[in-house]
């Protein structure tokens, strides 16, 4: 992505009236264009009046993270999100022999930059139907490496390797992760596995939001290398081959050029174009072969990516959820519930306390901005770093 395109995208995002903005610099592999990445990071700092309200993440495969680049990212407060599945057998499914490179990287970070490693590094594991049996081994390996934040997610599109027999193995692997995490928490007071550390689960009968995701309301924008914007990058036809059934959703989410004069108008019209498409709505009407979502006790906390529905081979039903995503969400949410019980409710109580403190900090900064105590630079400082 050329700098002119990156800058136009950042200006659009940073000019939003929202007081809390998240930016993910991803790809592809964003470190292939480290010069533009560096300029983007500096630009975000000089453009926003309150940089603390902008959370910037770089998502990378980790193979190009040099000591110099890591120092830059840490210095500027970025979260470094490394895609890594933990053990050699699972990592090979990503392609190539990258385990040794990432294993050495984690050792180097833990010994040379322990504070930054703890504060800024997240490992993201993607579970495939073919790698379920190595899931707990991967988490155990990462805990032994001292990783403080471990995201675990299922494949976001249809996975042909997940079969009926896979559900039992998924249960066993998550059970083992639960026991590992309880032991780790008792020893350290930390909860690195993110799916166990979330907010308290909704009680039965709690209100259920109708939308499946934020794409139809313009809160999950993606911008391709040519500067074309989309309500969600997973529906960007310029970035990936889409199944025929996703075409209608892709057209609705296509916002055109990010710097085009018509962009604000198209963004404002996005909810009318995409917000009524069945693939994004009617949460309670969704189902998998395991049953109806409306009858699931975790429906209020469950997240299903609409893009996954489109990728089920031959599917034309906007309410049919892939079994793998349904099973993964149910098993991990049940594990969170059990983890809270096994820790005496301290985890959910701590989470609520942290959220209250964060809201208080946010309100204080918003008051400062409203009082005019911080002014937005015009962009001059950014050019000094170019």
Protein backbone atom coordinates (compact mmCIF):
# COMPACT_ATOMS: atom_id res chain seq x y z
CA UNK A 1 0.00 0.00 0.00
CA UNK A 2 1.50 3.38 -0.97
CA UNK A 3 1.80 6.02 1.73
CA UNK A 4 -0.75 8.31 0.06
CA UNK A 5 -3.38 5.58 0.32
CA UNK A 6 -2.47 4.71 3.90
CA UNK A 7 -2.61 8.34 4.93
CA UNK A 8 -6.02 8.88 3.33
CA UNK A 9 -7.37 5.84 5.15
CA UNK A 10 -5.96 6.96 8.49
CA UNK A 11 -7.32 10.48 8.08
CA UNK A 12 -10.80 9.09 7.50
CA UNK A 13 -10.63 6.88 10.57
CA UNK A 14 -9.00 9.41 12.85
CA UNK A 15 -11.42 12.20 11.93
CA UNK A 16 -14.32 10.19 13.33
CA UNK A 17 -16.08 11.77 16.32
CA UNK A 18 -15.67 8.47 18.21
CA UNK A 19 -13.55 8.82 21.33
CA UNK A 20 -12.20 5.28 21.10
CA UNK A 21 -10.63 4.01 17.86
CA UNK A 22 -8.93 0.70 17.05
CA UNK A 23 -6.59 0.38 14.06
CA UNK A 24 -5.27 -2.95 12.82
CA UNK A 25 -2.34 -2.81 10.40
CA UNK A 26 -2.56 -6.19 8.71
CA UNK A 27 -2.48 -7.91 5.35
CA UNK A 28 -1.15 -10.07 3.83
CA UNK A 29 2.01 -9.32 5.73
CA UNK A 30 2.26 -5.63 6.73
CA UNK A 31 5.98 -5.86 7.55
CA UNK A 32 6.73 -6.32 3.86
CA UNK A 33 6.13 -2.55 3.71
CA UNK A 34 7.75 -1.49 6.96
CA UNK A 35 8.47 2.05 5.70
CA UNK A 36 4.77 2.77 5.24
CA UNK A 37 3.99 1.06 8.54
CA UNK A 38 6.43 3.34 10.39
CA UNK A 39 4.95 6.44 8.77
CA UNK A 40 1.46 5.28 9.66
CA UNK A 41 2.37 4.82 13.33
CA UNK A 42 3.93 8.29 13.53
CA UNK A 43 1.02 9.84 11.69
CA UNK A 44 -1.49 8.39 14.15
CA UNK A 45 0.43 9.91 17.04
CA UNK A 46 0.63 13.38 15.53
CA UNK A 47 -2.89 13.49 14.14
CA UNK A 48 -4.91 12.53 17.18
CA UNK A 49 -5.27 14.94 20.06
CA UNK A 50 -5.25 12.06 22.54
CA UNK A 51 -3.16 9.12 21.27
CA UNK A 52 -4.07 7.02 24.31
CA UNK A 53 -7.58 6.66 22.88
CA UNK A 54 -6.27 5.03 19.70
CA UNK A 55 -5.37 1.35 20.02
CA UNK A 56 -3.08 0.36 17.17
CA UNK A 57 -2.22 -3.27 16.45
CA UNK A 58 0.07 -4.77 13.85
CA UNK A 59 -0.89 -8.33 12.90
CA UNK A 60 2.04 -10.29 11.49
CA UNK A 61 3.35 -13.79 10.91
CA UNK A 62 6.37 -12.70 12.96
CA UNK A 63 9.09 -13.81 10.56
CA UNK A 64 10.18 -10.24 9.75
CA UNK A 65 10.22 -8.87 13.29
CA UNK A 66 13.75 -7.58 13.71
CA UNK A 67 15.07 -6.21 17.00
CA UNK A 68 15.07 -2.70 15.54
CA UNK A 69 11.50 -2.91 14.30
CA UNK A 70 10.27 -4.40 17.57
CA UNK A 71 11.94 -1.58 19.48
CA UNK A 72 10.10 0.94 17.30
CA UNK A 73 6.72 -0.78 17.75
CA UNK A 74 7.14 -1.10 21.51
CA UNK A 75 8.33 2.49 21.85
CA UNK A 76 5.16 3.70 20.14
CA UNK A 77 2.87 1.53 22.22
CA UNK A 78 1.59 -0.85 19.55
CA UNK A 79 0.21 -4.28 20.24
CA UNK A 80 2.22 -6.82 18.24
CA UNK A 81 -0.15 -9.63 17.32
CA UNK A 82 1.75 -12.67 16.06
CA UNK A 83 -0.05 -15.45 14.22
CA UNK A 84 1.46 -18.62 15.67
CA UNK A 85 -0.17 -21.96 16.43
CA UNK A 86 2.24 -23.06 19.10
CA UNK A 87 3.70 -26.45 18.21
CA UNK A 88 5.53 -27.58 15.05
CA UNK A 89 2.82 -29.93 13.78
CA UNK A 90 0.10 -27.26 13.98
CA UNK A 91 2.35 -24.50 12.68
CA UNK A 92 3.20 -26.51 9.57
CA UNK A 93 -0.47 -26.33 8.59
CA UNK A 94 0.09 -22.61 7.99
CA UNK A 95 2.69 -23.51 5.39
CA UNK A 96 6.47 -23.40 5.56
CA UNK A 97 8.81 -24.21 8.42
CA UNK A 98 8.43 -21.14 10.64
CA UNK A 99 8.28 -22.76 14.07
CA UNK A 100 11.99 -22.42 14.82
CA UNK A 101 12.00 -18.77 13.79
CA UNK A 102 9.09 -17.90 16.07
CA UNK A 103 10.36 -20.09 18.89
CA UNK A 104 13.65 -18.16 18.89
CA UNK A 105 11.72 -14.87 18.65
CA UNK A 106 9.74 -15.62 21.81
CA UNK A 107 12.91 -16.60 23.68
CA UNK A 108 14.62 -13.39 22.61
CA UNK A 109 11.66 -11.24 23.62
CA UNK A 110 11.30 -12.89 27.02
CA UNK A 111 14.97 -12.47 27.90
CA UNK A 112 15.81 -9.10 26.31
CA UNK A 113 12.51 -7.21 26.52
CA UNK A 114 10.51 -8.88 29.30
CA UNK A 115 8.39 -5.85 30.16
CA UNK A 116 7.48 -5.09 26.54
CA UNK A 117 6.93 -8.79 25.87
CA UNK A 118 4.42 -8.94 28.71
CA UNK A 119 2.67 -5.69 27.84
CA UNK A 120 2.63 -5.54 24.05
CA UNK A 121 2.79 -9.06 22.57
CA UNK A 122 -0.29 -11.15 21.76
CA UNK A 123 -0.15 -14.58 20.18
CA UNK A 124 -3.10 -15.50 17.98
CA UNK A 125 -3.77 -19.20 17.41
CA UNK A 126 -6.13 -20.21 14.61
CA UNK A 127 -7.68 -23.62 15.17
CA UNK A 128 -8.38 -25.72 12.09
CA UNK A 129 -10.27 -28.97 11.89
CA UNK A 130 -6.92 -30.60 11.09
CA UNK A 131 -5.11 -29.06 14.11
CA UNK A 132 -7.64 -29.54 16.94
CA UNK A 133 -5.65 -32.41 18.45
CA UNK A 134 -2.65 -30.09 19.03
CA UNK A 135 -4.61 -27.20 20.53
CA UNK A 136 -3.88 -27.80 24.22
CA UNK A 137 -0.24 -28.65 23.47
CA UNK A 138 0.04 -25.27 21.73
CA UNK A 139 -1.42 -23.38 24.67
CA UNK A 140 0.80 -25.26 27.13
CA UNK A 141 3.85 -24.43 25.02
CA UNK A 142 2.97 -20.72 24.92
CA UNK A 143 2.34 -20.60 28.67
CA UNK A 144 5.78 -22.14 29.21
CA UNK A 145 7.26 -19.44 26.97
CA UNK A 146 5.78 -16.78 29.25
CA UNK A 147 3.22 -15.40 26.79
CA UNK A 148 0.77 -13.19 28.70
CA UNK A 149 -2.01 -12.94 26.12
CA UNK A 150 -3.13 -15.88 23.97
CA UNK A 151 -6.03 -15.49 21.55
CA UNK A 152 -7.58 -18.70 20.26
CA UNK A 153 -10.06 -18.60 17.41
CA UNK A 154 -11.60 -21.00 14.96
CA UNK A 155 -11.16 -20.62 11.24
CA UNK A 156 -13.42 -17.75 10.15
CA UNK A 157 -14.60 -19.47 6.98
CA UNK A 158 -15.90 -22.98 6.32
CA UNK A 159 -13.50 -25.76 7.38
CA UNK A 160 -13.89 -29.02 5.45
CA UNK A 161 -11.69 -30.89 7.95
CA UNK A 162 -14.13 -30.47 10.84
CA UNK A 163 -16.31 -33.56 11.11
CA UNK A 164 -18.86 -34.92 13.54
CA UNK A 165 -16.11 -36.85 15.35
CA UNK A 166 -14.10 -33.64 15.80
CA UNK A 167 -16.47 -32.29 18.44
CA UNK A 168 -15.38 -34.79 21.10
CA UNK A 169 -11.72 -33.99 20.51
CA UNK A 170 -12.45 -30.26 20.70
CA UNK A 171 -14.15 -30.82 24.06
CA UNK A 172 -11.14 -32.73 25.37
CA UNK A 173 -8.65 -30.12 24.21
CA UNK A 174 -10.56 -27.20 25.73
CA UNK A 175 -11.03 -29.14 28.98
CA UNK A 176 -7.27 -29.53 29.19
CA UNK A 177 -6.76 -25.81 28.46
CA UNK A 178 -9.20 -25.04 31.27
CA UNK A 179 -7.23 -27.13 33.76
CA UNK A 180 -3.92 -25.66 32.61
CA UNK A 181 -5.34 -22.16 32.97
CA UNK A 182 -6.76 -22.74 36.46
CA UNK A 183 -3.37 -24.04 37.60
CA UNK A 184 -1.63 -21.09 35.96
CA UNK A 185 -4.04 -18.61 37.58
CA UNK A 186 -3.54 -20.12 41.04
CA UNK A 187 0.20 -19.88 40.62
CA UNK A 188 0.48 -16.42 38.99
CA UNK A 189 -2.91 -14.68 39.24
CA UNK A 190 -2.86 -14.28 35.44
CA UNK A 191 -5.32 -15.45 32.76
CA UNK A 192 -3.45 -15.44 29.42
CA UNK A 193 -6.07 -17.41 27.44
CA UNK A 194 -8.43 -14.70 26.25
CA UNK A 195 -11.56 -16.81 25.82
CA UNK A 196 -11.45 -17.52 29.56
CA UNK A 197 -10.90 -13.92 30.62
CA UNK A 198 -13.87 -12.19 29.01
CA UNK A 199 -16.76 -10.35 30.66
CA UNK A 200 -19.36 -12.16 32.74
CA UNK A 201 -21.66 -14.20 30.52
CA UNK A 202 -25.19 -12.97 29.91
CA UNK A 203 -27.88 -14.62 31.98
CA UNK A 204 -30.70 -16.60 30.41
CA UNK A 205 -33.35 -14.29 29.03
CA UNK A 206 -30.94 -11.38 28.52
CA UNK A 207 -31.61 -9.16 25.48
CA UNK A 208 -30.03 -10.52 22.30
CA UNK A 209 -28.74 -8.09 19.70
CA UNK A 210 -30.07 -8.77 16.23
CA UNK A 211 -26.96 -7.90 14.21
CA UNK A 212 -24.24 -10.56 13.99
CA UNK A 213 -21.40 -8.07 13.58
CA UNK A 214 -20.49 -4.41 13.13
CA UNK A 215 -19.88 -4.55 9.37
CA UNK A 216 -23.33 -3.25 8.30
CA UNK A 217 -23.06 -0.18 10.54
CA UNK A 218 -19.59 0.92 9.46
CA UNK A 219 -17.72 0.02 12.64
CA UNK A 220 -15.37 -2.57 11.10
CA UNK A 221 -13.98 -0.84 8.01
CA UNK A 222 -11.29 -2.46 5.88
CA UNK A 223 -9.20 -0.71 3.23
CA UNK A 224 -7.36 -2.57 0.47
CA UNK A 225 -3.96 -1.65 -1.00
CA UNK A 226 -5.60 0.48 -3.71
CA UNK A 227 -7.56 2.56 -1.21
CA UNK A 228 -10.94 0.94 -1.73
CA UNK A 229 -12.97 0.68 1.47
CA UNK A 230 -15.35 -2.01 2.61
CA UNK A 231 -17.68 -2.48 5.56
CA UNK A 232 -15.60 -5.57 6.33
CA UNK A 233 -12.36 -6.80 4.76
CA UNK A 234 -13.67 -10.37 4.67
CA UNK A 235 -16.12 -9.27 1.96
CA UNK A 236 -13.56 -7.33 -0.07
CA UNK A 237 -13.61 -8.88 -3.54
CA UNK A 238 -10.31 -7.13 -4.31
CA UNK A 239 -8.55 -9.06 -1.51
CA UNK A 240 -9.95 -12.57 -1.86
CA UNK A 241 -12.02 -14.81 -4.05
CA UNK A 242 -15.60 -14.79 -2.82
CA UNK A 243 -18.19 -17.53 -3.29
CA UNK A 244 -21.10 -16.44 -5.51
CA UNK A 245 -23.51 -16.11 -2.63
CA UNK A 246 -21.29 -13.48 -0.95
CA UNK A 247 -21.57 -11.17 -3.95
CA UNK A 248 -24.73 -9.41 -2.74
CA UNK A 249 -23.20 -8.71 0.66
CA UNK A 250 -19.94 -7.57 -0.96
CA UNK A 251 -21.81 -5.08 -3.17
CA UNK A 252 -23.66 -3.71 -0.16
CA UNK A 253 -20.44 -3.31 1.85
CA UNK A 254 -18.43 -1.73 -0.99
CA UNK A 255 -17.80 1.91 0.00
CA UNK A 256 -15.65 2.89 -2.97
CA UNK A 257 -12.47 4.93 -2.69
CA UNK A 258 -11.55 5.97 0.83
CA UNK A 259 -10.55 9.47 -0.34
CA UNK A 260 -13.47 9.94 -2.75
CA UNK A 261 -15.79 12.90 -2.00
CA UNK A 262 -18.71 10.46 -2.01
CA UNK A 263 -17.25 8.31 0.79
CA UNK A 264 -19.03 10.01 3.73
CA UNK A 265 -22.36 9.71 1.93
CA UNK A 266 -21.80 6.05 1.11
CA UNK A 267 -20.73 5.31 4.67
CA UNK A 268 -23.83 7.02 6.06
CA UNK A 269 -26.01 4.93 3.72
CA UNK A 270 -24.30 1.65 4.66
CA UNK A 271 -26.81 0.60 7.36
CA UNK A 272 -29.68 1.03 4.90
CA UNK A 273 -27.90 -1.03 2.22
CA UNK A 274 -26.44 -3.82 4.34
CA UNK A 275 -28.27 -3.70 7.65
CA UNK A 276 -31.33 -5.48 6.31
CA UNK A 277 -29.53 -8.37 4.59
CA UNK A 278 -30.52 -11.59 6.31
CA UNK A 279 -26.94 -12.82 6.48
CA UNK A 280 -26.12 -10.00 8.93
CA UNK A 281 -29.32 -10.10 10.97
CA UNK A 282 -31.89 -12.36 12.65
CA UNK A 283 -29.51 -13.85 15.19
CA UNK A 284 -32.24 -15.88 16.86
CA UNK A 285 -33.19 -17.50 13.54
CA UNK A 286 -29.70 -18.91 12.98
CA UNK A 287 -28.93 -22.58 13.49
CA UNK A 288 -26.37 -25.31 12.92
CA UNK A 289 -26.76 -29.08 12.86
CA UNK A 290 -26.34 -28.94 16.65
CA UNK A 291 -29.59 -27.01 17.04
CA UNK A 292 -31.27 -23.59 16.91
CA UNK A 293 -29.40 -20.56 18.21
CA UNK A 294 -32.55 -19.34 19.95
CA UNK A 295 -32.43 -22.42 22.18
CA UNK A 296 -28.73 -22.05 23.09
CA UNK A 297 -27.93 -20.65 26.52
CA UNK A 298 -24.93 -18.79 25.10
CA UNK A 299 -26.73 -17.04 22.23
CA UNK A 300 -26.29 -13.56 23.74
CA UNK A 301 -22.51 -14.02 23.98
CA UNK A 302 -21.89 -15.97 20.77
CA UNK A 303 -20.19 -14.39 17.76
CA UNK A 304 -20.71 -15.85 14.29
CA UNK A 305 -18.97 -14.26 11.31
CA UNK A 306 -21.44 -13.81 8.42
CA UNK A 307 -18.63 -14.53 5.96
CA UNK A 308 -18.47 -18.08 7.32
CA UNK A 309 -22.09 -18.66 6.34
CA UNK A 310 -21.30 -17.67 2.75
CA UNK A 311 -18.44 -20.15 2.52
CA UNK A 312 -20.43 -23.29 3.31
CA UNK A 313 -20.25 -25.20 0.00
CA UNK A 314 -23.52 -25.05 -1.89
CA UNK A 315 -25.27 -23.15 0.89
CA UNK A 316 -28.02 -20.66 0.02
CA UNK A 317 -29.51 -20.42 3.51
CA UNK A 318 -28.54 -17.17 5.32
CA UNK A 319 -29.42 -18.75 8.67
CA UNK A 320 -27.15 -21.80 8.47
CA UNK A 321 -24.05 -21.53 10.68
CA UNK A 322 -20.97 -23.75 10.09
CA UNK A 323 -20.82 -26.55 12.65
CA UNK A 324 -17.19 -25.84 13.52
CA UNK A 325 -17.89 -22.25 14.52
CA UNK A 326 -20.97 -23.29 16.50
CA UNK A 327 -19.08 -26.04 18.32
CA UNK A 328 -16.02 -23.88 19.03
CA UNK A 329 -18.09 -21.00 20.42
CA UNK A 330 -20.19 -23.28 22.63
CA UNK A 331 -17.22 -25.18 24.02
CA UNK A 332 -15.14 -22.07 24.79
CA UNK A 333 -18.05 -20.15 26.33
CA UNK A 334 -18.87 -23.15 28.52
CA UNK A 335 -15.20 -23.23 29.54
CA UNK A 336 -15.32 -19.56 30.51
CA UNK A 337 -18.36 -20.27 32.67
CA UNK A 338 -16.59 -23.18 34.37
CA UNK A 339 -13.38 -21.20 34.80
CA UNK A 340 -15.25 -18.47 36.66
CA UNK A 341 -16.87 -21.09 38.90
CA UNK A 342 -13.52 -22.81 39.59
CA UNK A 343 -11.93 -19.49 40.57
CA UNK A 344 -14.76 -18.52 42.90
CA UNK A 345 -16.15 -15.72 40.70
CA UNK A 346 -13.02 -13.62 41.18
CA UNK A 347 -12.34 -13.41 37.46
CA UNK A 348 -15.64 -11.80 36.48
CA UNK A 349 -15.45 -9.47 39.48
CA UNK A 350 -11.94 -8.39 38.48
CA UNK A 351 -13.07 -7.83 34.90
CA UNK A 352 -15.92 -5.57 36.03
CA UNK A 353 -13.49 -3.59 38.18
CA UNK A 354 -11.07 -3.14 35.31
CA UNK A 355 -13.86 -1.96 33.00
CA UNK A 356 -15.07 0.61 35.53
CA UNK A 357 -11.53 1.94 35.91
CA UNK A 358 -11.08 2.10 32.14
CA UNK A 359 -14.36 3.98 31.70
CA UNK A 360 -13.32 6.46 34.35
CA UNK A 361 -10.03 7.10 32.53
CA UNK A 362 -11.88 7.49 29.24
CA UNK A 363 -14.36 9.96 30.72
CA UNK A 364 -11.50 12.04 32.13
CA UNK A 365 -9.80 12.29 28.74
CA UNK A 366 -13.08 13.13 26.98
CA UNK A 367 -13.64 15.96 29.45
CA UNK A 368 -10.18 17.31 28.72
CA UNK A 369 -10.85 17.23 24.99
CA UNK A 370 -14.24 18.88 25.42
CA UNK A 371 -12.63 21.64 27.46
CA UNK A 372 -10.17 22.27 24.64
CA UNK A 373 -7.09 21.38 26.65
CA UNK A 374 -5.63 19.40 23.72
CA UNK A 375 -5.45 20.62 20.15
CA UNK A 376 -5.14 18.48 17.04
CA UNK A 377 -1.93 19.12 15.05
CA UNK A 378 -2.30 20.01 11.39
CA UNK A 379 0.06 17.31 10.19
CA UNK A 380 3.32 19.25 10.15
CA UNK A 381 5.12 17.08 12.75
CA UNK A 382 4.43 13.97 10.69
CA UNK A 383 6.42 15.33 7.75
CA UNK A 384 9.47 15.74 9.99
CA UNK A 385 9.56 11.94 10.38
CA UNK A 386 9.04 11.08 6.73
